[in-house]
């Protein structure tokens, strides 16, 4: 599940979600699709994988799913890789 695509799309999504606007409010799959010029189903696939690995958490607003970074989980995974896991 931690497989990274060669174009590093999921890493770019995580980096974008760290920026002030997206970090404060989260982003929808539509916003990710627009930002990274990809079809919405592709954006949903990336977001669902990041959510499944715990890197993202979700919230709902006006019936839409918003994705946010889970900083504790990201730090935990980074520590595992630093230890050579």
N, C-alpha and C. Protein backbone atom coordinates (compact mmCIF):
# COMPACT_ATOMS: atom_id res chain seq x y z
N UNK A 1 0.81 -1.20 0.00
CA UNK A 1 0.00 0.00 0.00
C UNK A 1 0.85 1.26 0.00
N UNK A 2 2.09 1.14 0.37
CA UNK A 2 2.95 2.32 0.37
C UNK A 2 3.66 2.51 -0.96
N UNK A 3 3.31 1.69 -1.94
CA UNK A 3 3.90 1.78 -3.27
C UNK A 3 3.74 3.22 -3.78
N UNK A 4 4.82 3.77 -4.31
CA UNK A 4 4.79 5.14 -4.81
C UNK A 4 4.82 5.13 -6.32
N UNK A 5 3.91 5.87 -6.96
CA UNK A 5 3.96 5.94 -8.42
C UNK A 5 5.23 6.67 -8.86
N UNK A 6 5.68 6.38 -10.06
CA UNK A 6 6.93 6.95 -10.53
C UNK A 6 6.88 8.48 -10.60
N UNK A 7 5.70 9.06 -10.78
CA UNK A 7 5.62 10.51 -10.86
C UNK A 7 5.44 11.18 -9.50
N UNK A 8 5.42 10.40 -8.43
CA UNK A 8 5.33 10.90 -7.05
C UNK A 8 4.09 11.74 -6.78
N UNK A 9 2.99 11.40 -7.43
CA UNK A 9 1.75 12.17 -7.26
C UNK A 9 1.30 12.22 -5.81
N UNK A 10 1.33 11.10 -5.12
CA UNK A 10 0.85 11.11 -3.73
C UNK A 10 1.73 11.97 -2.84
N UNK A 11 3.02 11.98 -3.09
CA UNK A 11 3.90 12.86 -2.32
C UNK A 11 3.58 14.33 -2.61
N UNK A 12 3.27 14.64 -3.86
CA UNK A 12 2.91 16.02 -4.22
C UNK A 12 1.58 16.41 -3.58
N UNK A 13 0.64 15.49 -3.51
CA UNK A 13 -0.63 15.78 -2.85
C UNK A 13 -0.39 16.07 -1.37
N UNK A 14 0.41 15.23 -0.71
CA UNK A 14 0.72 15.46 0.70
C UNK A 14 1.41 16.80 0.92
N UNK A 15 2.33 17.16 0.03
CA UNK A 15 3.02 18.45 0.15
C UNK A 15 2.03 19.60 -0.02
N UNK A 16 1.13 19.49 -0.97
CA UNK A 16 0.15 20.55 -1.20
C UNK A 16 -0.77 20.72 0.01
N UNK A 17 -1.16 19.60 0.60
CA UNK A 17 -2.04 19.66 1.76
C UNK A 17 -1.36 20.28 2.98
N UNK A 18 -0.08 20.47 2.91
CA UNK A 18 0.65 21.11 4.01
C UNK A 18 0.62 22.64 3.89
N UNK A 19 0.27 23.14 2.72
CA UNK A 19 0.20 24.59 2.50
C UNK A 19 -0.95 25.18 3.30
N UNK A 20 -0.84 26.48 3.68
CA UNK A 20 -1.83 27.09 4.58
C UNK A 20 -3.30 26.94 4.17
N UNK A 21 -3.69 27.21 2.95
CA UNK A 21 -5.10 27.11 2.56
C UNK A 21 -5.63 25.70 2.66
N UNK A 22 -5.02 24.76 1.92
CA UNK A 22 -5.48 23.38 1.99
C UNK A 22 -5.35 22.78 3.39
N UNK A 23 -4.32 23.16 4.12
CA UNK A 23 -4.11 22.60 5.46
C UNK A 23 -5.24 23.01 6.40
N UNK A 24 -5.72 24.22 6.25
CA UNK A 24 -6.76 24.72 7.15
C UNK A 24 -8.13 24.13 6.84
N UNK A 25 -8.43 23.95 5.58
CA UNK A 25 -9.79 23.56 5.20
C UNK A 25 -9.90 22.17 4.61
N UNK A 26 -8.79 21.56 4.25
CA UNK A 26 -8.83 20.28 3.56
C UNK A 26 -9.19 20.49 2.09
N UNK A 27 -9.11 19.44 1.32
CA UNK A 27 -9.42 19.54 -0.11
C UNK A 27 -10.34 18.41 -0.52
N UNK A 28 -11.07 18.64 -1.58
CA UNK A 28 -11.94 17.62 -2.15
C UNK A 28 -11.21 16.91 -3.28
N UNK A 29 -11.77 15.80 -3.72
CA UNK A 29 -11.19 15.09 -4.86
C UNK A 29 -11.22 15.98 -6.10
N UNK A 30 -12.26 16.78 -6.25
CA UNK A 30 -12.33 17.70 -7.40
C UNK A 30 -11.18 18.70 -7.38
N UNK A 31 -10.85 19.22 -6.20
CA UNK A 31 -9.75 20.18 -6.08
C UNK A 31 -8.42 19.53 -6.42
N UNK A 32 -8.21 18.29 -5.98
CA UNK A 32 -6.97 17.57 -6.29
C UNK A 32 -6.89 17.32 -7.79
N UNK A 33 -8.00 16.89 -8.39
CA UNK A 33 -8.02 16.63 -9.83
C UNK A 33 -7.66 17.90 -10.61
N UNK A 34 -8.22 19.02 -10.20
CA UNK A 34 -7.94 20.28 -10.89
C UNK A 34 -6.50 20.71 -10.68
N UNK A 35 -6.04 20.67 -9.46
CA UNK A 35 -4.68 21.12 -9.13
C UNK A 35 -3.61 20.33 -9.89
N UNK A 36 -3.80 19.02 -10.00
CA UNK A 36 -2.79 18.16 -10.61
C UNK A 36 -3.14 17.70 -12.02
N UNK A 37 -4.15 18.33 -12.60
CA UNK A 37 -4.55 18.05 -13.99
C UNK A 37 -4.73 16.55 -14.25
N UNK A 38 -5.59 15.96 -13.45
CA UNK A 38 -5.86 14.53 -13.62
C UNK A 38 -7.37 14.32 -13.57
N UNK A 39 -7.83 13.22 -14.13
CA UNK A 39 -9.25 12.91 -14.03
C UNK A 39 -9.65 12.70 -12.56
N UNK A 40 -10.88 13.04 -12.23
CA UNK A 40 -11.36 12.90 -10.86
C UNK A 40 -11.21 11.47 -10.34
N UNK A 41 -11.53 10.42 -11.12
CA UNK A 41 -11.35 9.06 -10.60
C UNK A 41 -9.91 8.74 -10.20
N UNK A 42 -8.95 9.30 -10.89
CA UNK A 42 -7.54 9.09 -10.55
C UNK A 42 -7.24 9.79 -9.22
N UNK A 43 -7.75 11.01 -9.06
CA UNK A 43 -7.55 11.75 -7.80
C UNK A 43 -8.17 10.97 -6.64
N UNK A 44 -9.36 10.45 -6.85
CA UNK A 44 -10.04 9.67 -5.80
C UNK A 44 -9.21 8.45 -5.42
N UNK A 45 -8.63 7.78 -6.39
CA UNK A 45 -7.80 6.61 -6.11
C UNK A 45 -6.61 6.99 -5.24
N UNK A 46 -5.92 8.08 -5.58
CA UNK A 46 -4.78 8.52 -4.78
C UNK A 46 -5.22 8.88 -3.37
N UNK A 47 -6.31 9.62 -3.25
CA UNK A 47 -6.78 10.05 -1.94
C UNK A 47 -7.23 8.87 -1.09
N UNK A 48 -7.90 7.92 -1.69
CA UNK A 48 -8.35 6.73 -0.94
C UNK A 48 -7.16 5.91 -0.44
N UNK A 49 -6.13 5.79 -1.25
CA UNK A 49 -4.95 5.05 -0.82
C UNK A 49 -4.26 5.77 0.33
N UNK A 50 -4.12 7.08 0.22
CA UNK A 50 -3.51 7.85 1.32
C UNK A 50 -4.35 7.75 2.59
N UNK A 51 -5.66 7.74 2.44
CA UNK A 51 -6.55 7.59 3.59
C UNK A 51 -6.42 6.19 4.18
N UNK A 52 -6.36 5.18 3.33
CA UNK A 52 -6.25 3.79 3.80
C UNK A 52 -4.95 3.55 4.57
N UNK A 53 -3.89 4.24 4.19
CA UNK A 53 -2.61 4.08 4.90
C UNK A 53 -2.52 4.98 6.12
N UNK A 54 -3.56 5.79 6.35
CA UNK A 54 -3.60 6.64 7.53
C UNK A 54 -2.94 7.99 7.35
N UNK A 55 -2.45 8.27 6.16
CA UNK A 55 -1.78 9.55 5.92
C UNK A 55 -2.77 10.72 5.87
N UNK A 56 -4.00 10.42 5.51
CA UNK A 56 -5.04 11.44 5.44
C UNK A 56 -6.20 11.05 6.33
N UNK A 57 -6.86 12.05 6.86
CA UNK A 57 -8.13 11.84 7.56
C UNK A 57 -9.18 12.61 6.78
N UNK A 58 -10.42 12.32 7.04
CA UNK A 58 -11.50 12.97 6.29
C UNK A 58 -12.46 13.68 7.21
N UNK A 59 -13.15 14.65 6.61
CA UNK A 59 -14.26 15.32 7.27
C UNK A 59 -15.30 15.58 6.20
N UNK A 60 -16.51 15.83 6.62
CA UNK A 60 -17.59 16.12 5.66
C UNK A 60 -18.11 17.52 5.91
N UNK A 61 -18.38 18.21 4.82
CA UNK A 61 -18.96 19.54 4.87
C UNK A 61 -19.83 19.70 3.64
N UNK A 62 -21.07 20.08 3.86
CA UNK A 62 -22.02 20.26 2.76
C UNK A 62 -22.09 19.01 1.88
N UNK A 63 -22.02 17.83 2.51
CA UNK A 63 -22.13 16.59 1.78
C UNK A 63 -20.91 16.18 0.99
N UNK A 64 -19.83 16.91 1.12
CA UNK A 64 -18.60 16.60 0.38
C UNK A 64 -17.52 16.13 1.35
N UNK A 65 -16.69 15.23 0.88
CA UNK A 65 -15.58 14.72 1.68
C UNK A 65 -14.39 15.64 1.48
N UNK A 66 -13.80 16.06 2.61
CA UNK A 66 -12.59 16.89 2.58
C UNK A 66 -11.46 16.08 3.21
N UNK A 67 -10.32 16.12 2.57
CA UNK A 67 -9.15 15.36 3.02
C UNK A 67 -8.15 16.29 3.69
N UNK A 68 -7.59 15.82 4.81
CA UNK A 68 -6.61 16.57 5.60
C UNK A 68 -5.45 15.65 5.93
N UNK A 69 -4.26 16.22 6.06
CA UNK A 69 -3.10 15.43 6.48
C UNK A 69 -3.29 14.96 7.92
N UNK A 70 -2.81 13.77 8.21
CA UNK A 70 -2.75 13.29 9.58
C UNK A 70 -1.28 13.35 9.98
N UNK A 71 -0.92 14.46 10.59
CA UNK A 71 0.49 14.73 10.89
C UNK A 71 1.11 13.68 11.80
N UNK A 72 0.35 13.18 12.75
CA UNK A 72 0.91 12.16 13.66
C UNK A 72 1.25 10.89 12.89
N UNK A 73 0.37 10.45 12.02
CA UNK A 73 0.62 9.23 11.24
C UNK A 73 1.78 9.43 10.27
N UNK A 74 1.85 10.60 9.63
CA UNK A 74 2.95 10.89 8.70
C UNK A 74 4.28 10.85 9.44
N UNK A 75 4.32 11.43 10.63
CA UNK A 75 5.55 11.41 11.43
C UNK A 75 5.92 9.98 11.83
N UNK A 76 4.92 9.19 12.17
CA UNK A 76 5.15 7.79 12.55
C UNK A 76 5.75 7.00 11.38
N UNK A 77 5.21 7.17 10.20
CA UNK A 77 5.73 6.48 9.02
C UNK A 77 7.14 6.95 8.70
N UNK A 78 7.37 8.26 8.82
CA UNK A 78 8.72 8.79 8.56
C UNK A 78 9.74 8.18 9.53
N UNK A 79 9.35 8.02 10.79
CA UNK A 79 10.26 7.40 11.77
C UNK A 79 10.56 5.95 11.40
N UNK A 80 9.54 5.23 10.91
CA UNK A 80 9.77 3.83 10.51
C UNK A 80 10.80 3.75 9.40
N UNK A 81 10.70 4.65 8.43
CA UNK A 81 11.65 4.63 7.32
C UNK A 81 13.03 5.09 7.75
N UNK A 82 13.10 6.02 8.70
CA UNK A 82 14.40 6.46 9.21
C UNK A 82 15.12 5.32 9.93
N UNK A 83 14.35 4.44 10.54
CA UNK A 83 14.93 3.31 11.27
C UNK A 83 15.32 2.17 10.32
N UNK A 84 15.07 2.36 9.05
CA UNK A 84 15.46 1.35 8.07
C UNK A 84 14.43 0.28 7.85
N UNK A 85 13.20 0.52 8.19
CA UNK A 85 12.13 -0.46 8.01
C UNK A 85 11.84 -0.75 6.60
